[in-house]
Structures are given as structure tokens and as C-alpha cells.
Amino acid sequence: MNMAELIYCRSAVRSSGVVRNLSILRFLMGIALTLIGAVFSPSAHANIACEIDNISLTLSAGTISVPVGMSVGQILGNIAPSTFQMSCHFVNRVSTVTSATNYANFATTQLAPGFTDVYQTNIAGIGVRYTFNSAQCNAASVVMLNGKAQVGCFFSGPLDGPYMTANITVTPTLVVTGALAPGTTTLSSAPTVSVTYTSSDQDTSWNKGSLYTGAATGLFVHATCSVTQPSLSVSLPTANTRAFSSGIGAVAAPQPFQLSFACAAGAKVSITLTDSVNPSNRSNTLTLTADSTARGIGLQVLNSTGSPVYFGPDSAAPGNTNQWLIGNSPAGALLVPMQARYIRTGAVSPGSVKALATFTMSYQ
């Protein structure tokens, strides 16, 4: 913690007589000059003393899917906000100041080409914008422009009183800054954001370290394919209960269907199917919806090799659980042939059967 004391001096030279001697006048002028020098050479110390908590952050993006055809300036998503604290109190030094504004000054470098508020990460085509908010400091949507941002917080309190705290939230936003390579790219670094304090009752600044250290983590999966069928309904033929007489695991009535995509060449394409009714399902049989009336029957999905698909998490991360490889993306249409079929899971009673699934593409 850095502090300084500001000593104010006043002087007045009074004379009740008449100066009659030139040498005495020169002597008095010399004293006056000395006193003026003392006024302008103080050891400056401020009354407000401030600290900062919850800094040295890592930019953690998680896994983000980048759709096909995103243009420069489009937002990829917000990273979860982080809140840090500015804590200040007033020290009983020479002056008796009990109110002042403390400023958190943020600075960074590496502006993305063509932007004044986005800073380049290690991934070509992806940058980050920083926005600051604080209700206690009356700061709303303060964006770091040309490498700088400032949030000022007013404090008022007793001398030698407890620390008063103001919360400041920073939200990083990921932005497209240029052409993106297809496939999966790892986020490993972002520009360092430093914090410097200044205050209204002094003319000194204090380096408070880094809000963001420059370390970053995350995966960006840039799609090379877009879905040409946003919703697909597969109707299976009616099956007789006798078709399942051989016991649990008996299957019947396979129905072909296909997934259709429009692609650009340049990546290996993988896919994961997720059970929408029960996303934690990792088996190869979908959970039926609540409005299904049949019992002892489930639904399976078969991939292009005719093998039952095991379901996994809704994630585009490479190596996702139960993800499987389709192949290289073509320059044009990509058709993925599949099948759906009934499977016996218990004692069978007739009725309707319905299940829901989603798919997630991954590109490497």
C-alpha cells in the first residue's frame, strides 16, 4: 500500500516599519524565497488508501462452436463475468480528507486490426472485448477503447475507519476479427490487462498488478458444414408385438433416413447424438417421451455401418464421449445415411412410441 502525506504551509511576512536599508530588504527577500521553496517541495501523501482483490484471472472460454459463415465483428459469445473488489479507507495522516474518488485504470495492447475495442488472442480471427460494470461506482457498460478504460468509485468515511468495498464486474466478449481456419483451435493466450490506481486527492499512481495475466484456455470448433434440415422427423412402420417374441433385445422395423449438410472442404467431421429426454443417457437405446403409451419398447439409431449409436453429451469437443467419425468434409453436400428401429427392453404392451435426439458436429 502506498501513501503520502501532503503538508500545506502558509507564511506571511508582516512589517510595521519602513525598510530603510537595502541590505535588510535583500535579506528579507532571501527569506521569502526560502519559504516559497518549502511550499512547493512537500513530501506528498494522500489520505485515501486502496487495495484490490480477486485479480490475476485466466481467460477461460470453454468449448465454443463457431458456425459456418460468421463475418468480421460478429459475437461468438460472452465468457462468464468475473467480479473483483476495490477496497478503500481513509488514513489519519496530516490532512483530514474523508472523501475522495479512487480510479481503477485498465490497460492492454494488441488491438485487433480494424477495431478500437477488440484485442487479438493467439487464434487468428478471434479477439476479445472487455466491458466493465459497477452499480456502486455508477459505471455501466464501460468498454476498453484503444487499450484503456477507467472506472472511478467515490468513497466517504471516517479517518482510520474500516475498508469500504466496491464490486466491479468485467465481462469478456469473444468477437470474430478475421477469417477463421476450419476445424478445432486451442485458445492459449490473450493480452494481459494491467490495473493501476489513481485517486482524486493526490497526483501519484500505484501499479496493482494484472486483472488478466495473459493465460487463456478454450477450444474453438469452426464448422465447415451447415445443416440443411434443421428438424427431421422419422416415422417408423407399425410393428406387431409378436415381432419381439424372442425376448429382450429383439429388434424390428428398421427405417432408413439421412442427415444432410452443406459443407466446405478442409476438416474431418465427427458427430455425437444426444438423448434429448435423458441427456445423461450413454446407452444405445433412446429414452421414450412421457406421452409414449407402449411399454417394454425402446428406439435405437444405427449409423452408416449399421451399428447402434451410443449417445453422448451435447458437445463439439474433439473426443467427446460416444462421438464417431463421419469422414472428410466435401466441397458440397454431405449425406449421412442412418436407420431407426424398435428394440425390446422389457415386458411388451402395445401403444405409441416416441423419442427425441439431437446431434452435434465436431470438426478437426
Protein backbone atom coordinates (compact mmCIF):
# COMPACT_ATOMS: atom_id res chain seq x y z
CA MET A 1 0.00 0.00 0.00
CA ASN A 2 1.45 3.37 -1.00
CA MET A 3 0.64 6.51 0.92
CA ALA A 4 1.95 10.01 1.02
CA GLU A 5 1.37 13.00 3.27
CA LEU A 6 0.70 16.42 1.86
CA ILE A 7 1.80 19.20 4.19
CA TYR A 8 0.35 22.58 3.48
CA CYS A 9 2.29 25.60 4.72
CA ARG A 10 1.26 29.20 4.83
CA SER A 11 3.53 32.09 5.52
CA ALA A 12 3.06 35.77 5.79
CA VAL A 13 5.66 38.44 6.23
CA ARG A 14 4.38 41.42 8.13
CA SER A 15 6.21 44.67 8.66
CA SER A 16 5.18 47.50 10.88
CA GLY A 17 8.09 49.67 9.95
CA VAL A 18 9.64 51.15 6.88
CA VAL A 19 12.54 49.44 5.18
CA ARG A 20 15.40 51.85 5.31
CA ASN A 21 18.34 49.67 4.45
CA LEU A 22 18.83 47.93 1.07
CA SER A 23 20.82 45.08 2.59
CA ILE A 24 17.96 44.32 5.02
CA LEU A 25 15.49 44.26 2.11
CA ARG A 26 17.66 41.75 0.28
CA PHE A 27 17.84 39.61 3.42
CA LEU A 28 14.05 39.59 3.77
CA MET A 29 13.66 38.68 0.10
CA GLY A 30 16.01 35.78 0.65
CA ILE A 31 13.82 34.51 3.50
CA ALA A 32 10.71 34.84 1.33
CA LEU A 33 12.30 32.77 -1.43
CA THR A 34 13.25 30.10 1.04
CA LEU A 35 9.70 29.90 2.35
CA ILE A 36 8.27 29.62 -1.14
CA GLY A 37 10.63 26.74 -1.84
CA ALA A 38 9.26 24.91 1.20
CA VAL A 39 5.67 25.25 -0.06
CA PHE A 40 6.44 23.66 -3.44
CA SER A 41 8.63 20.82 -2.18
CA PRO A 42 6.34 18.74 0.08
CA SER A 43 6.51 15.03 0.75
CA ALA A 44 3.11 14.38 -0.88
CA HIS A 45 0.98 11.78 0.86
CA ALA A 46 -2.70 11.06 0.16
CA ASN A 47 -5.32 10.29 2.75
CA ILE A 48 -7.20 7.57 0.79
CA ALA A 49 -5.59 4.12 0.75
CA CYS A 50 -6.93 1.42 -1.58
CA GLU A 51 -6.31 -2.25 -2.39
CA ILE A 52 -7.66 -4.69 -4.97
CA ASP A 53 -8.83 -8.30 -4.54
CA ASN A 54 -9.72 -11.21 -6.86
CA ILE A 55 -7.38 -10.43 -9.75
CA SER A 56 -4.74 -12.39 -11.75
CA LEU A 57 -7.51 -14.02 -13.79
CA THR A 58 -7.27 -16.58 -16.59
CA LEU A 59 -9.46 -16.08 -19.66
CA SER A 60 -11.43 -19.35 -19.71
CA ALA A 61 -13.65 -19.78 -22.76
CA GLY A 62 -14.60 -23.46 -22.53
CA THR A 63 -15.62 -25.05 -25.84
CA ILE A 64 -17.30 -22.78 -28.37
CA SER A 65 -18.79 -23.84 -31.69
CA VAL A 66 -18.21 -21.33 -34.45
CA PRO A 67 -20.98 -21.58 -37.08
CA VAL A 68 -20.32 -21.54 -40.79
CA GLY A 69 -20.19 -18.14 -42.46
CA MET A 70 -19.61 -15.86 -39.46
CA SER A 71 -18.48 -12.39 -40.54
CA VAL A 72 -15.99 -9.97 -39.01
CA GLY A 73 -17.47 -8.18 -35.99
CA GLN A 74 -19.96 -10.91 -35.08
CA ILE A 75 -20.03 -12.05 -31.46
CA LEU A 76 -19.09 -15.65 -30.71
CA GLY A 77 -20.25 -15.44 -27.10
CA ASN A 78 -19.64 -13.98 -23.66
CA ILE A 79 -17.29 -15.50 -21.13
CA ALA A 80 -18.71 -15.73 -17.61
CA PRO A 81 -18.23 -12.36 -15.84
CA SER A 82 -15.64 -12.03 -13.07
CA THR A 83 -16.05 -9.71 -10.09
CA PHE A 84 -13.15 -8.07 -8.29
CA GLN A 85 -13.16 -5.66 -5.38
CA MET A 86 -11.79 -2.17 -4.85
CA SER A 87 -11.35 -1.66 -1.09
CA CYS A 88 -10.52 1.78 0.32
CA HIS A 89 -10.36 3.63 3.63
CA PHE A 90 -9.06 6.97 4.88
CA VAL A 91 -5.83 7.08 6.84
CA ASN A 92 -5.42 9.62 9.65
CA ARG A 93 -2.32 11.39 8.39
CA VAL A 94 -1.65 15.10 8.24
CA SER A 95 -4.69 16.07 6.19
CA THR A 96 -8.23 15.34 7.27
CA VAL A 97 -9.72 14.32 3.91
CA THR A 98 -12.63 11.91 4.43
CA SER A 99 -13.98 11.69 0.87
CA ALA A 100 -12.29 11.04 -2.45
CA THR A 101 -12.66 9.14 -5.73
CA ASN A 102 -10.34 6.22 -6.43
CA TYR A 103 -9.84 5.23 -10.07
CA ALA A 104 -9.07 1.78 -11.42
CA ASN A 105 -7.24 2.29 -14.73
CA PHE A 106 -7.08 -0.72 -17.05
CA ALA A 107 -4.62 -1.04 -19.90
CA THR A 108 -3.81 -3.59 -22.57
CA THR A 109 -2.27 -3.86 -26.04
CA GLN A 110 -2.67 -5.87 -29.26
CA LEU A 111 -5.70 -4.19 -30.81
CA ALA A 112 -7.22 -6.38 -33.49
CA PRO A 113 -6.81 -4.82 -36.96
CA GLY A 114 -9.76 -2.60 -37.82
CA PHE A 115 -11.06 -2.39 -34.22
CA THR A 116 -10.76 0.15 -31.41
CA ASP A 117 -12.29 -2.08 -28.72
CA VAL A 118 -11.27 -5.68 -29.54
CA TYR A 119 -7.91 -7.26 -28.68
CA GLN A 120 -6.33 -10.15 -30.51
CA THR A 121 -5.96 -13.60 -28.93
CA ASN A 122 -3.47 -16.23 -30.10
CA ILE A 123 -6.09 -17.51 -32.57
CA ALA A 124 -6.13 -15.68 -35.89
CA GLY A 125 -9.63 -14.33 -36.43
CA ILE A 126 -10.73 -14.32 -32.77
CA GLY A 127 -10.44 -11.36 -30.39
CA VAL A 128 -11.80 -10.29 -27.01
CA ARG A 129 -13.67 -7.17 -25.88
CA TYR A 130 -13.74 -6.14 -22.18
CA THR A 131 -16.76 -4.43 -20.61
CA PHE A 132 -16.84 -3.12 -17.01
CA ASN A 133 -19.88 -2.56 -14.79
CA SER A 134 -20.33 -1.43 -11.19
CA ALA A 135 -23.55 -0.25 -9.58
CA GLN A 136 -21.60 1.08 -6.58
CA CYS A 137 -19.33 3.12 -8.85
CA ASN A 138 -22.14 4.27 -11.20
CA ALA A 139 -20.32 2.58 -14.08
CA ALA A 140 -22.41 0.96 -16.81
CA SER A 141 -21.01 -0.81 -19.89
CA VAL A 142 -17.59 0.85 -19.79
CA VAL A 143 -15.71 -0.64 -22.77
CA MET A 144 -11.93 -0.66 -23.04
CA LEU A 145 -11.14 1.63 -26.00
CA ASN A 146 -7.73 1.88 -27.66
CA GLY A 147 -6.21 -0.15 -24.85
CA LYS A 148 -7.59 1.88 -21.94
CA ALA A 149 -10.59 2.00 -19.59
CA GLN A 150 -11.24 3.72 -16.28
CA VAL A 151 -13.76 3.10 -13.51
CA GLY A 152 -13.92 5.67 -10.69
CA CYS A 153 -15.51 4.94 -7.31
CA PHE A 154 -16.40 7.63 -4.78
CA PHE A 155 -15.71 6.81 -1.13
CA SER A 156 -16.62 8.73 2.02
CA GLY A 157 -15.88 7.57 5.54
CA PRO A 158 -14.21 8.30 8.86
CA LEU A 159 -10.47 8.59 9.34
CA ASP A 160 -8.87 5.26 10.27
CA GLY A 161 -12.21 3.58 9.64
CA PRO A 162 -12.70 0.09 8.16
CA TYR A 163 -12.20 -0.63 4.47
CA MET A 164 -15.17 0.14 2.22
CA THR A 165 -15.64 -2.19 -0.75
CA ALA A 166 -16.96 -1.61 -4.27
CA ASN A 167 -17.54 -4.55 -6.63
CA ILE A 168 -16.52 -4.18 -10.27
CA THR A 169 -17.53 -6.80 -12.83
CA VAL A 170 -15.66 -7.44 -16.08
CA THR A 171 -17.26 -9.38 -18.94
CA PRO A 172 -15.04 -10.61 -21.80
CA THR A 173 -16.82 -10.99 -25.13
CA LEU A 174 -15.34 -13.08 -27.94
CA VAL A 175 -15.54 -11.45 -31.36
CA VAL A 176 -14.70 -12.55 -34.91
CA THR A 177 -11.81 -10.38 -36.13
CA GLY A 178 -10.93 -12.09 -39.41
CA ALA A 179 -11.02 -15.29 -41.43
CA LEU A 180 -11.21 -18.43 -39.30
CA ALA A 181 -9.46 -21.66 -40.14
CA PRO A 182 -11.74 -24.73 -40.25
CA GLY A 183 -11.51 -27.33 -37.53
CA THR A 184 -10.60 -27.10 -33.86
CA THR A 185 -8.21 -24.47 -32.48
CA THR A 186 -6.90 -24.14 -28.94
CA LEU A 187 -7.06 -20.81 -27.09
CA SER A 188 -3.81 -20.47 -25.12
CA SER A 189 -3.22 -16.75 -24.63
CA ALA A 190 -4.87 -13.33 -24.63
CA PRO A 191 -3.48 -9.84 -24.00
CA THR A 192 -2.53 -9.01 -20.41
CA VAL A 193 -4.78 -6.42 -18.75
CA SER A 194 -2.97 -4.36 -16.10
CA VAL A 195 -4.56 -2.37 -13.25
CA THR A 196 -3.22 0.98 -11.97
CA TYR A 197 -4.80 3.06 -9.21
CA THR A 198 -5.02 6.83 -9.10
CA SER A 199 -7.12 8.98 -6.78
CA SER A 200 -8.61 12.45 -6.72
CA ASP A 201 -6.68 13.64 -3.66
CA GLN A 202 -3.14 13.10 -4.99
CA ASP A 203 -1.08 13.01 -8.19
CA THR A 204 0.60 9.60 -7.82
CA SER A 205 -0.32 6.24 -9.37
CA TRP A 206 0.10 2.71 -7.99
CA ASN A 207 0.58 -0.44 -10.04
CA LYS A 208 -1.84 -3.08 -8.74
CA GLY A 209 -0.81 -6.00 -10.95
CA SER A 210 -2.76 -7.78 -13.67
CA LEU A 211 -6.51 -8.22 -13.91
CA TYR A 212 -5.88 -10.82 -16.65
CA THR A 213 -2.45 -12.46 -16.66
CA GLY A 214 -2.45 -13.32 -20.37
CA ALA A 215 -3.14 -17.00 -19.72
CA ALA A 216 -6.17 -18.40 -21.55
CA THR A 217 -7.88 -21.73 -22.13
CA GLY A 218 -10.57 -22.89 -24.51
CA LEU A 219 -11.43 -24.70 -27.71
CA PHE A 220 -12.99 -23.14 -30.80
CA VAL A 221 -14.62 -25.54 -33.21
CA HIS A 222 -15.13 -23.85 -36.55
CA ALA A 223 -17.82 -25.59 -38.54
CA THR A 224 -17.28 -26.38 -42.18
CA CYS A 225 -20.80 -27.76 -42.61
CA SER A 226 -24.24 -26.28 -42.13
CA VAL A 227 -27.41 -28.28 -41.57
CA THR A 228 -29.80 -28.29 -44.50
CA GLN A 229 -32.55 -29.96 -42.42
CA PRO A 230 -32.99 -28.04 -39.15
CA SER A 231 -35.63 -30.55 -38.00
CA LEU A 232 -36.08 -34.15 -39.12
CA SER A 233 -38.97 -36.43 -38.24
CA VAL A 234 -38.61 -40.20 -38.79
CA SER A 235 -41.80 -42.28 -38.85
CA LEU A 236 -41.38 -45.99 -38.20
CA PRO A 237 -43.92 -48.52 -39.52
CA THR A 238 -46.28 -50.15 -37.08
CA ALA A 239 -44.83 -53.31 -35.56
CA ASN A 240 -46.70 -56.32 -34.20
CA THR A 241 -45.92 -57.34 -30.63
CA ARG A 242 -45.17 -60.85 -31.97
CA ALA A 243 -42.08 -59.37 -33.67
CA PHE A 244 -40.46 -59.17 -30.22
CA SER A 245 -41.33 -62.69 -29.07
CA SER A 246 -37.69 -63.80 -28.99
CA GLY A 247 -37.11 -61.75 -25.84
CA ILE A 248 -35.34 -58.65 -24.58
CA GLY A 249 -33.04 -57.23 -27.28
CA ALA A 250 -35.29 -58.29 -30.15
CA VAL A 251 -35.41 -55.62 -32.87
CA ALA A 252 -37.94 -54.85 -35.61
CA ALA A 253 -38.97 -52.49 -38.42
CA PRO A 254 -35.76 -50.62 -39.35
CA GLN A 255 -36.49 -47.33 -41.10
CA PRO A 256 -33.79 -45.60 -43.20
CA PHE A 257 -33.24 -41.83 -43.04
CA GLN A 258 -30.35 -39.49 -43.62
CA LEU A 259 -28.80 -36.31 -42.23
CA SER A 260 -28.00 -33.71 -44.87
CA PHE A 261 -25.33 -30.97 -44.72
CA ALA A 262 -23.76 -28.36 -46.99
CA CYS A 263 -20.00 -28.29 -46.43
CA ALA A 264 -16.73 -26.66 -47.38
CA ALA A 265 -13.66 -28.84 -47.68
CA GLY A 266 -10.91 -28.72 -45.10
CA ALA A 267 -11.80 -30.67 -41.97
CA LYS A 268 -12.58 -34.11 -40.62
CA VAL A 269 -16.20 -34.28 -39.49
CA SER A 270 -17.37 -36.16 -36.40
CA ILE A 271 -20.81 -36.38 -34.82
CA THR A 272 -22.37 -37.08 -31.42
CA LEU A 273 -26.03 -37.97 -30.85
CA THR A 274 -27.60 -36.90 -27.54
CA ASP A 275 -30.78 -38.27 -25.94
CA SER A 276 -32.99 -35.17 -25.53
CA VAL A 277 -35.31 -36.80 -22.99
CA ASN A 278 -32.39 -38.02 -20.83
CA PRO A 279 -29.15 -36.19 -21.76
CA SER A 280 -27.15 -38.33 -19.32
CA ASN A 281 -28.07 -41.48 -21.24
CA ARG A 282 -24.92 -43.24 -22.51
CA SER A 283 -26.62 -46.42 -23.73
CA ASN A 284 -27.63 -47.26 -27.31
CA THR A 285 -31.38 -47.01 -26.65
CA LEU A 286 -33.25 -43.73 -26.54
CA THR A 287 -35.50 -42.86 -23.60
CA LEU A 288 -39.17 -42.61 -24.60
CA THR A 289 -41.07 -39.34 -24.13
CA ALA A 290 -43.69 -39.08 -21.39
CA ASP A 291 -46.54 -39.20 -23.91
CA SER A 292 -45.48 -42.61 -25.28
CA THR A 293 -48.03 -45.30 -24.37
CA ALA A 294 -46.22 -48.51 -25.38
CA ARG A 295 -44.25 -50.37 -22.71
CA GLY A 296 -41.19 -52.57 -22.95
CA ILE A 297 -40.11 -50.99 -26.25
CA GLY A 298 -37.32 -48.52 -26.99
CA LEU A 299 -35.85 -46.93 -30.10
CA GLN A 300 -32.35 -47.28 -31.49
CA VAL A 301 -30.44 -45.28 -34.10
CA LEU A 302 -27.98 -47.06 -36.39
CA ASN A 303 -25.02 -45.33 -38.04
CA SER A 304 -23.88 -45.77 -41.64
CA THR A 305 -22.14 -49.07 -40.79
CA GLY A 306 -25.36 -50.50 -39.32
CA SER A 307 -24.10 -50.37 -35.71
CA PRO A 308 -26.29 -48.99 -32.90
CA VAL A 309 -25.27 -45.50 -31.88
CA TYR A 310 -24.32 -44.90 -28.25
CA PHE A 311 -25.43 -41.49 -27.00
CA GLY A 312 -23.16 -38.84 -25.58
CA PRO A 313 -23.05 -35.29 -24.18
CA ASP A 314 -24.13 -32.35 -26.31
CA SER A 315 -20.57 -31.17 -27.01
CA ALA A 316 -18.45 -30.40 -30.06
CA ALA A 317 -15.19 -31.08 -28.22
CA PRO A 318 -12.87 -33.48 -30.06
CA GLY A 319 -13.02 -36.93 -28.50
CA ASN A 320 -16.43 -36.29 -26.90
CA THR A 321 -17.94 -39.40 -25.30
CA ASN A 322 -19.51 -41.68 -27.95
CA GLN A 323 -18.53 -39.36 -30.79
CA TRP A 324 -17.83 -41.08 -34.09
CA LEU A 325 -16.05 -40.04 -37.27
CA ILE A 326 -18.05 -39.44 -40.45
CA GLY A 327 -15.04 -38.56 -42.63
CA ASN A 328 -13.56 -35.62 -44.53
CA SER A 329 -15.89 -32.75 -45.31
CA PRO A 330 -16.58 -32.47 -49.05
CA ALA A 331 -16.93 -29.25 -51.00
CA GLY A 332 -20.69 -29.53 -51.30
CA ALA A 333 -23.38 -31.87 -50.00
CA LEU A 334 -22.63 -34.34 -47.20
CA LEU A 335 -25.22 -37.08 -46.69
CA VAL A 336 -25.06 -39.32 -43.62
CA PRO A 337 -27.22 -42.47 -44.04
CA MET A 338 -28.76 -43.81 -40.82
CA GLN A 339 -31.59 -46.04 -39.59
CA ALA A 340 -34.06 -46.09 -36.70
CA ARG A 341 -35.62 -49.29 -35.30
CA TYR A 342 -37.60 -50.70 -32.37
CA ILE A 343 -35.89 -52.75 -29.66
CA ARG A 344 -37.50 -54.73 -26.87
CA THR A 345 -36.44 -53.58 -23.38
CA GLY A 346 -38.95 -55.41 -21.12
CA ALA A 347 -42.48 -56.82 -20.96
CA VAL A 348 -44.22 -55.57 -24.10
CA SER A 349 -47.60 -53.84 -24.23
CA PRO A 350 -48.88 -52.09 -27.38
CA GLY A 351 -49.09 -48.35 -27.84
CA SER A 352 -47.29 -45.38 -29.34
CA VAL A 353 -43.52 -44.88 -29.20
CA LYS A 354 -41.73 -41.54 -29.43
CA ALA A 355 -38.18 -40.40 -28.68
CA LEU A 356 -36.11 -37.28 -29.35
CA ALA A 357 -32.44 -36.84 -30.14
CA THR A 358 -30.09 -34.04 -31.19
CA PHE A 359 -26.76 -34.22 -32.95
CA THR A 360 -23.62 -32.13 -32.55
CA MET A 361 -20.92 -31.86 -35.20
CA SER A 362 -17.22 -31.61 -34.44
CA TYR A 363 -14.51 -30.51 -36.87
CA GLN A 364 -10.80 -31.24 -36.63
